[in-house]
Amino acid sequence: MMNRDQRMSITLEYVQKTMNQCRKRLKNRATLRSLTDLSPTIPNDTRWLGMADMIQRFNTIKNELVSLFEDENTNLDVDGSICFQRQALSVEKQLTKFKVSACELQKQDRTL
């Protein structure tokens, strides 16, 4: 049985893979653009909060991503199951708590 950290790591890896597929493949990106003005976000290696931004964007556009998955003109791997969607929301909630704490420390000129 996986612990919470393993599930979080696997979820983030899958979301990053999906967002990369959306961002790097022209057909996927063009079709997504026709569905929403929001574009996929991938984390920047130099930013601590990039994963939080990515999972938040994923959850915001997940319905559009599932539509892309169902479109025969695109090549995208998206888990549209309720179980995965709940896990992605749970990860977002956890990372949002971290993001809020990190931003508050930065306001106070402190470091983690």
Protein backbone atom coordinates (compact mmCIF):
# COMPACT_ATOMS: atom_id res chain seq x y z
CA MET A 1 0.00 0.00 0.00
CA MET A 2 1.30 3.45 -0.93
CA ASN A 3 1.72 6.18 1.63
CA ARG A 4 0.53 9.75 1.07
CA ASP A 5 3.92 11.03 -0.15
CA GLN A 6 4.16 8.28 -2.77
CA ARG A 7 0.64 9.00 -4.03
CA MET A 8 1.44 12.71 -4.19
CA SER A 9 4.64 12.08 -6.11
CA ILE A 10 2.94 9.75 -8.61
CA THR A 11 0.08 12.21 -9.09
CA LEU A 12 2.46 15.12 -9.71
CA GLU A 13 4.52 13.06 -12.19
CA TYR A 14 1.38 12.10 -14.12
CA VAL A 15 0.05 15.66 -14.15
CA GLN A 16 3.43 16.98 -15.33
CA LYS A 17 3.51 14.38 -18.12
CA THR A 18 0.00 15.38 -19.22
CA MET A 19 0.79 19.09 -19.13
CA ASN A 20 3.98 18.51 -21.14
CA GLN A 21 2.00 16.58 -23.76
CA CYS A 22 -0.43 19.50 -24.02
CA ARG A 23 2.26 22.11 -24.20
CA LYS A 24 4.71 20.45 -26.59
CA ARG A 25 2.40 18.88 -29.16
CA LEU A 26 0.96 21.45 -31.55
CA LYS A 27 -2.34 19.66 -32.21
CA ASN A 28 -2.97 19.23 -28.50
CA ARG A 29 -2.15 22.86 -27.76
CA ALA A 30 -4.24 24.21 -30.64
CA THR A 31 -7.25 22.10 -29.69
CA LEU A 32 -6.92 23.12 -26.04
CA ARG A 33 -6.74 26.78 -27.10
CA SER A 34 -10.09 26.34 -28.86
CA LEU A 35 -11.60 25.12 -25.57
CA THR A 36 -10.07 27.57 -23.08
CA ASP A 37 -7.91 30.67 -22.93
CA LEU A 38 -5.78 29.04 -20.22
CA SER A 39 -2.64 27.25 -21.30
CA PRO A 40 -0.93 24.33 -19.58
CA THR A 41 1.58 25.23 -16.90
CA ILE A 42 4.71 23.23 -16.26
CA PRO A 43 6.95 23.78 -13.25
CA ASN A 44 10.15 25.75 -13.52
CA ASP A 45 13.02 23.89 -11.84
CA THR A 46 14.19 27.06 -10.10
CA ARG A 47 10.85 27.88 -8.49
CA TRP A 48 9.69 26.10 -5.36
CA LEU A 49 6.05 26.74 -6.01
CA GLY A 50 5.95 25.60 -9.63
CA MET A 51 4.35 22.26 -8.78
CA ALA A 52 1.58 24.03 -6.86
CA ASP A 53 0.89 26.29 -9.85
CA MET A 54 0.89 23.30 -12.22
CA ILE A 55 -1.56 21.18 -10.19
CA GLN A 56 -3.83 24.20 -9.70
CA ARG A 57 -3.92 24.84 -13.47
CA PHE A 58 -4.48 21.12 -14.14
CA ASN A 59 -7.50 21.09 -11.86
CA THR A 60 -8.81 24.29 -13.45
CA ILE A 61 -8.67 22.90 -17.01
CA LYS A 62 -9.21 19.19 -16.31
CA ASN A 63 -12.57 19.09 -18.11
CA GLU A 64 -10.98 20.56 -21.23
CA LEU A 65 -8.12 18.05 -20.95
CA VAL A 66 -10.59 15.16 -20.81
CA SER A 67 -12.24 16.59 -23.94
CA LEU A 68 -8.83 16.60 -25.62
CA PHE A 69 -8.29 12.98 -24.62
CA GLU A 70 -11.60 12.04 -26.26
CA ASP A 71 -10.78 13.96 -29.47
CA GLU A 72 -9.43 11.58 -32.11
CA ASN A 73 -7.23 14.31 -33.63
CA THR A 74 -5.13 14.68 -30.50
CA ASN A 75 -2.67 12.45 -28.74
CA LEU A 76 -3.04 13.00 -25.03
CA ASP A 77 -2.99 10.71 -22.02
CA VAL A 78 -5.43 11.94 -19.36
CA ASP A 79 -6.88 10.00 -16.46
CA GLY A 80 -10.44 11.28 -16.26
CA SER A 81 -11.47 8.97 -13.44
CA ILE A 82 -13.16 10.39 -10.37
CA CYS A 83 -10.52 8.71 -8.19
CA PHE A 84 -7.66 10.52 -9.96
CA GLN A 85 -9.53 13.82 -9.95
CA ARG A 86 -10.00 13.53 -6.19
CA GLN A 87 -6.33 12.73 -5.75
CA ALA A 88 -5.33 15.74 -7.87
CA LEU A 89 -7.58 17.99 -5.79
CA SER A 90 -6.09 16.56 -2.59
CA VAL A 91 -2.56 17.25 -3.84
CA GLU A 92 -3.55 20.79 -4.79
CA LYS A 93 -4.95 21.35 -1.31
CA GLN A 94 -1.72 20.13 0.32
CA LEU A 95 0.52 22.19 -1.94
CA THR A 96 -1.65 25.28 -1.51
CA LYS A 97 -1.05 25.10 2.25
CA PHE A 98 2.69 24.96 1.57
CA LYS A 99 2.45 27.81 -0.94
CA VAL A 100 0.58 30.05 1.50
CA SER A 101 3.16 29.35 4.22
CA ALA A 102 6.10 29.95 1.88
CA CYS A 103 4.63 33.23 0.60
CA GLU A 104 3.97 34.41 4.15
CA LEU A 105 7.57 33.67 5.14
CA GLN A 106 8.80 35.59 2.09
CA LYS A 107 6.71 38.60 3.11
CA GLN A 108 8.42 38.49 6.49
CA ASP A 109 11.87 38.27 4.83
CA ARG A 110 12.41 34.76 6.17
CA THR A 111 13.51 31.65 4.36
CA LEU A 112 12.46 28.05 4.66
